[in-house]
Amino acid sequence: MENLPVPHILSPSRAKGSSLMNDSDLSRRNLRFGWALFGLFVLLFAGTVLVALLYLQLD
């Protein structure tokens, strides 16, 4: 049987809890994602209202 590949062990600095991204970078990214989701919600809501008004005008 062949030996299976051994998983890489984290270095001691990474094992102690240091992350790949700073907290400020992560919070900035999450804030941008939140605003994008809010913008998508507003666009969907406005589109729904416009379709309803168009339906009323054409009826």
PDB file of N, CA and C in Angstrom:
ATOM      1  N   MET A   1       0.832  -1.195   0.000  1.00  0.00           N
ATOM      2  CA  MET A   1       0.000   0.000   0.000  1.00  0.00           C
ATOM      3  C   MET A   1       0.870   1.249   0.000  1.00  0.00           C
ATOM      4  N   GLU A   2       0.396   2.244  -0.716  1.00  0.00           N
ATOM      5  CA  GLU A   2       1.119   3.512  -0.737  1.00  0.00           C
ATOM      6  C   GLU A   2       0.819   4.301   0.529  1.00  0.00           C
ATOM      7  N   ASN A   3       1.770   5.101   0.907  1.00  0.00           N
ATOM      8  CA  ASN A   3       1.542   5.986   2.049  1.00  0.00           C
ATOM      9  C   ASN A   3       0.656   7.140   1.624  1.00  0.00           C
ATOM     10  N   LEU A   4      -0.295   7.472   2.450  1.00  0.00           N
ATOM     11  CA  LEU A   4      -1.179   8.596   2.170  1.00  0.00           C
ATOM     12  C   LEU A   4      -0.454   9.899   2.470  1.00  0.00           C
ATOM     13  N   PRO A   5      -0.803  10.978   1.763  1.00  0.00           N
ATOM     14  CA  PRO A   5      -0.150  12.257   2.058  1.00  0.00           C
ATOM     15  C   PRO A   5      -0.498  12.734   3.464  1.00  0.00           C
ATOM     16  N   VAL A   6       0.485  13.276   4.114  1.00  0.00           N
ATOM     17  CA  VAL A   6       0.316  13.760   5.480  1.00  0.00           C
ATOM     18  C   VAL A   6      -0.139  15.217   5.420  1.00  0.00           C
ATOM     19  N   PRO A   7      -1.174  15.588   6.184  1.00  0.00           N
ATOM     20  CA  PRO A   7      -1.604  16.993   6.172  1.00  0.00           C
ATOM     21  C   PRO A   7      -0.525  17.887   6.775  1.00  0.00           C
ATOM     22  N   HIS A   8      -0.449  19.093   6.241  1.00  0.00           N
ATOM     23  CA  HIS A   8       0.532  20.046   6.752  1.00  0.00           C
ATOM     24  C   HIS A   8       0.108  20.527   8.133  1.00  0.00           C
ATOM     25  N   ILE A   9       1.066  20.569   9.018  1.00  0.00           N
ATOM     26  CA  ILE A   9       0.811  21.044  10.377  1.00  0.00           C
ATOM     27  C   ILE A   9       1.050  22.546  10.394  1.00  0.00           C
ATOM     28  N   LEU A  10       0.150  23.276  11.044  1.00  0.00           N
ATOM     29  CA  LEU A  10       0.281  24.728  11.110  1.00  0.00           C
ATOM     30  C   LEU A  10       1.526  25.118  11.888  1.00  0.00           C
ATOM     31  N   SER A  11       2.134  26.188  11.473  1.00  0.00           N
ATOM     32  CA  SER A  11       3.289  26.695  12.205  1.00  0.00           C
ATOM     33  C   SER A  11       2.822  27.195  13.574  1.00  0.00           C
ATOM     34  N   PRO A  12       3.706  27.265  14.537  1.00  0.00           N
ATOM     35  CA  PRO A  12       3.289  27.700  15.883  1.00  0.00           C
ATOM     36  C   PRO A  12       2.654  29.085  15.913  1.00  0.00           C
ATOM     37  N   SER A  13       3.098  29.995  15.044  1.00  0.00           N
ATOM     38  CA  SER A  13       2.501  31.331  15.063  1.00  0.00           C
ATOM     39  C   SER A  13       1.061  31.286  14.575  1.00  0.00           C
ATOM     40  N   ARG A  14       0.755  30.452  13.589  1.00  0.00           N
ATOM     41  CA  ARG A  14      -0.613  30.342  13.077  1.00  0.00           C
ATOM     42  C   ARG A  14      -1.489  29.542  14.038  1.00  0.00           C
ATOM     43  N   ALA A  15      -0.892  28.591  14.744  1.00  0.00           N
ATOM     44  CA  ALA A  15      -1.665  27.750  15.651  1.00  0.00           C
ATOM     45  C   ALA A  15      -2.142  28.528  16.873  1.00  0.00           C
ATOM     46  N   LYS A  16      -1.466  29.610  17.219  1.00  0.00           N
ATOM     47  CA  LYS A  16      -1.843  30.371  18.407  1.00  0.00           C
ATOM     48  C   LYS A  16      -3.017  31.295  18.173  1.00  0.00           C
ATOM     49  N   GLY A  17      -3.530  31.368  16.949  1.00  0.00           N
ATOM     50  CA  GLY A  17      -4.724  32.167  16.725  1.00  0.00           C
ATOM     51  C   GLY A  17      -4.541  33.358  15.818  1.00  0.00           C
ATOM     52  N   SER A  18      -3.353  33.538  15.264  1.00  0.00           N
ATOM     53  CA  SER A  18      -3.217  34.653  14.331  1.00  0.00           C
ATOM     54  C   SER A  18      -3.990  34.313  13.065  1.00  0.00           C
ATOM     55  N   SER A  19      -4.722  35.259  12.572  1.00  0.00           N
ATOM     56  CA  SER A  19      -5.575  34.996  11.418  1.00  0.00           C
ATOM     57  C   SER A  19      -4.905  35.488  10.149  1.00  0.00           C
ATOM     58  N   LEU A  20      -5.467  35.093   9.018  1.00  0.00           N
ATOM     59  CA  LEU A  20      -4.935  35.520   7.734  1.00  0.00           C
ATOM     60  C   LEU A  20      -5.290  36.975   7.448  1.00  0.00           C
ATOM     61  N   MET A  21      -6.425  37.429   7.963  1.00  0.00           N
ATOM     62  CA  MET A  21      -6.880  38.798   7.730  1.00  0.00           C
ATOM     63  C   MET A  21      -6.976  39.526   9.062  1.00  0.00           C
ATOM     64  N   ASN A  22      -6.688  40.814   9.032  1.00  0.00           N
ATOM     65  CA  ASN A  22      -6.862  41.633  10.233  1.00  0.00           C
ATOM     66  C   ASN A  22      -8.347  41.801  10.511  1.00  0.00           C
ATOM     67  N   ASP A  23      -8.671  42.107  11.752  1.00  0.00           N
ATOM     68  CA  ASP A  23     -10.071  42.331  12.102  1.00  0.00           C
ATOM     69  C   ASP A  23     -10.634  43.542  11.373  1.00  0.00           C
ATOM     70  N   SER A  24      -9.813  44.564  11.177  1.00  0.00           N
ATOM     71  CA  SER A  24     -10.301  45.751  10.472  1.00  0.00           C
ATOM     72  C   SER A  24     -10.584  45.434   9.008  1.00  0.00           C
ATOM     73  N   ASP A  25      -9.749  44.602   8.392  1.00  0.00           N
ATOM     74  CA  ASP A  25      -9.997  44.200   7.005  1.00  0.00           C
ATOM     75  C   ASP A  25     -11.274  43.381   6.896  1.00  0.00           C
ATOM     76  N   LEU A  26     -11.456  42.474   7.833  1.00  0.00           N
ATOM     77  CA  LEU A  26     -12.644  41.631   7.815  1.00  0.00           C
ATOM     78  C   LEU A  26     -13.902  42.449   8.062  1.00  0.00           C
ATOM     79  N   SER A  27     -13.843  43.389   8.986  1.00  0.00           N
ATOM     80  CA  SER A  27     -15.026  44.212   9.262  1.00  0.00           C
ATOM     81  C   SER A  27     -15.340  45.122   8.079  1.00  0.00           C
ATOM     82  N   ARG A  28     -14.314  45.648   7.422  1.00  0.00           N
ATOM     83  CA  ARG A  28     -14.531  46.491   6.237  1.00  0.00           C
ATOM     84  C   ARG A  28     -15.165  45.675   5.111  1.00  0.00           C
ATOM     85  N   ARG A  29     -14.692  44.459   4.945  1.00  0.00           N
ATOM     86  CA  ARG A  29     -15.245  43.583   3.910  1.00  0.00           C
ATOM     87  C   ARG A  29     -16.695  43.204   4.226  1.00  0.00           C
ATOM     88  N   ASN A  30     -16.967  42.898   5.486  1.00  0.00           N
ATOM     89  CA  ASN A  30     -18.332  42.565   5.883  1.00  0.00           C
ATOM     90  C   ASN A  30     -19.267  43.756   5.733  1.00  0.00           C
ATOM     91  N   LEU A  31     -18.771  44.952   6.033  1.00  0.00           N
ATOM     92  CA  LEU A  31     -19.586  46.157   5.881  1.00  0.00           C
ATOM     93  C   LEU A  31     -19.925  46.390   4.411  1.00  0.00           C
ATOM     94  N   ARG A  32     -18.945  46.212   3.534  1.00  0.00           N
ATOM     95  CA  ARG A  32     -19.180  46.369   2.099  1.00  0.00           C
ATOM     96  C   ARG A  32     -20.194  45.330   1.605  1.00  0.00           C
ATOM     97  N   PHE A  33     -20.078  44.110   2.086  1.00  0.00           N
ATOM     98  CA  PHE A  33     -21.014  43.057   1.711  1.00  0.00           C
ATOM     99  C   PHE A  33     -22.419  43.382   2.218  1.00  0.00           C
ATOM    100  N   GLY A  34     -22.521  43.919   3.424  1.00  0.00           N
ATOM    101  CA  GLY A  34     -23.820  44.313   3.968  1.00  0.00           C
ATOM    102  C   GLY A  34     -24.473  45.413   3.157  1.00  0.00           C
ATOM    103  N   TRP A  35     -23.697  46.427   2.760  1.00  0.00           N
ATOM    104  CA  TRP A  35     -24.249  47.496   1.923  1.00  0.00           C
ATOM    105  C   TRP A  35     -24.676  46.964   0.559  1.00  0.00           C
ATOM    106  N   ALA A  36     -23.924  46.016   0.016  1.00  0.00           N
ATOM    107  CA  ALA A  36     -24.303  45.425  -1.270  1.00  0.00           C
ATOM    108  C   ALA A  36     -25.622  44.664  -1.145  1.00  0.00           C
ATOM    109  N   LEU A  37     -25.801  43.934  -0.059  1.00  0.00           N
ATOM    110  CA  LEU A  37     -27.064  43.227   0.159  1.00  0.00           C
ATOM    111  C   LEU A  37     -28.217  44.202   0.352  1.00  0.00           C
ATOM    112  N   PHE A  38     -27.973  45.291   1.062  1.00  0.00           N
ATOM    113  CA  PHE A  38     -29.004  46.305   1.251  1.00  0.00           C
ATOM    114  C   PHE A  38     -29.378  46.940  -0.084  1.00  0.00           C
ATOM    115  N   GLY A  39     -28.382  47.235  -0.916  1.00  0.00           N
ATOM    116  CA  GLY A  39     -28.649  47.788  -2.246  1.00  0.00           C
ATOM    117  C   GLY A  39     -29.457  46.830  -3.104  1.00  0.00           C
ATOM    118  N   LEU A  40     -29.146  45.550  -3.019  1.00  0.00           N
ATOM    119  CA  LEU A  40     -29.914  44.548  -3.761  1.00  0.00           C
ATOM    120  C   LEU A  40     -31.361  44.512  -3.280  1.00  0.00           C
ATOM    121  N   PHE A  41     -31.570  44.611  -1.978  1.00  0.00           N
ATOM    122  CA  PHE A  41     -32.919  44.645  -1.425  1.00  0.00           C
ATOM    123  C   PHE A  41     -33.688  45.857  -1.940  1.00  0.00           C
ATOM    124  N   VAL A  42     -33.044  47.020  -1.937  1.00  0.00           N
ATOM    125  CA  VAL A  42     -33.706  48.246  -2.402  1.00  0.00           C
ATOM    126  C   VAL A  42     -34.063  48.123  -3.878  1.00  0.00           C
ATOM    127  N   LEU A  43     -33.149  47.591  -4.690  1.00  0.00           N
ATOM    128  CA  LEU A  43     -33.434  47.409  -6.117  1.00  0.00           C
ATOM    129  C   LEU A  43     -34.598  46.447  -6.348  1.00  0.00           C
ATOM    130  N   LEU A  44     -34.631  45.350  -5.612  1.00  0.00           N
ATOM    131  CA  LEU A  44     -35.734  44.399  -5.758  1.00  0.00           C
ATOM    132  C   LEU A  44     -37.056  45.014  -5.317  1.00  0.00           C
ATOM    133  N   PHE A  45     -37.034  45.770  -4.232  1.00  0.00           N
ATOM    134  CA  PHE A  45     -38.252  46.406  -3.749  1.00  0.00           C
ATOM    135  C   PHE A  45     -38.748  47.447  -4.743  1.00  0.00           C
ATOM    136  N   ALA A  46     -37.838  48.275  -5.258  1.00  0.00           N
ATOM    137  CA  ALA A  46     -38.221  49.294  -6.240  1.00  0.00           C
ATOM    138  C   ALA A  46     -38.738  48.638  -7.516  1.00  0.00           C
ATOM    139  N   GLY A  47     -38.120  47.554  -7.927  1.00  0.00           N
ATOM    140  CA  GLY A  47     -38.592  46.835  -9.107  1.00  0.00           C
ATOM    141  C   GLY A  47     -39.983  46.273  -8.910  1.00  0.00           C
ATOM    142  N   THR A  48     -40.262  45.781  -7.721  1.00  0.00           N
ATOM    143  CA  THR A  48     -41.590  45.257  -7.419  1.00  0.00           C
ATOM    144  C   THR A  48     -42.635  46.363  -7.490  1.00  0.00           C
ATOM    145  N   VAL A  49     -42.316  47.516  -6.929  1.00  0.00           N
ATOM    146  CA  VAL A  49     -43.245  48.650  -6.961  1.00  0.00           C
ATOM    147  C   VAL A  49     -43.462  49.116  -8.399  1.00  0.00           C
ATOM    148  N   LEU A  50     -42.399  49.197  -9.185  1.00  0.00           N
ATOM    149  CA  LEU A  50     -42.529  49.623 -10.580  1.00  0.00           C
ATOM    150  C   LEU A  50     -43.369  48.651 -11.403  1.00  0.00           C
ATOM    151  N   VAL A  51     -43.192  47.366 -11.184  1.00  0.00           N
ATOM    152  CA  VAL A  51     -44.003  46.375 -11.900  1.00  0.00           C
ATOM    153  C   VAL A  51     -45.461  46.501 -11.491  1.00  0.00           C
ATOM    154  N   ALA A  52     -45.727  46.738 -10.213  1.00  0.00           N
ATOM    155  CA  ALA A  52     -47.107  46.901  -9.753  1.00  0.00           C
ATOM    156  C   ALA A  52     -47.740  48.145 -10.365  1.00  0.00           C
ATOM    157  N   LEU A  53     -47.013  49.261 -10.397  1.00  0.00           N
ATOM    158  CA  LEU A  53     -47.546  50.484 -10.997  1.00  0.00           C
ATOM    159  C   LEU A  53     -47.764  50.321 -12.497  1.00  0.00           C
ATOM    160  N   LEU A  54     -46.853  49.644 -13.156  1.00  0.00           N
ATOM    161  CA  LEU A  54     -47.009  49.385 -14.587  1.00  0.00           C
ATOM    162  C   LEU A  54     -48.229  48.504 -14.846  1.00  0.00           C
ATOM    163  N   TYR A  55     -48.436  47.526 -14.007  1.00  0.00           N
ATOM    164  CA  TYR A  55     -49.594  46.651 -14.141  1.00  0.00           C
ATOM    165  C   TYR A  55     -50.891  47.450 -13.966  1.00  0.00           C
ATOM    166  N   LEU A  56     -50.912  48.370 -12.995  1.00  0.00           N
ATOM    167  CA  LEU A  56     -52.103  49.187 -12.781  1.00  0.00           C
ATOM    168  C   LEU A  56     -52.355  50.129 -13.956  1.00  0.00           C
ATOM    169  N   GLN A  57     -51.304  50.660 -14.556  1.00  0.00           N
ATOM    170  CA  GLN A  57     -51.464  51.571 -15.688  1.00  0.00           C
ATOM    171  C   GLN A  57     -51.974  50.845 -16.929  1.00  0.00           C
ATOM    172  N   LEU A  58     -51.537  49.627 -17.134  1.00  0.00           N
ATOM    173  CA  LEU A  58     -51.920  48.884 -18.336  1.00  0.00           C
ATOM    174  C   LEU A  58     -53.238  48.135 -18.175  1.00  0.00           C
ATOM    175  N   ASP A  59     -53.773  48.112 -16.996  1.00  0.00           N
ATOM    176  CA  ASP A  59     -55.023  47.380 -16.747  1.00  0.00           C
ATOM    177  C   ASP A  59     -56.226  48.158 -17.196  1.00  0.00           C
TER     178      ASP A  59
END
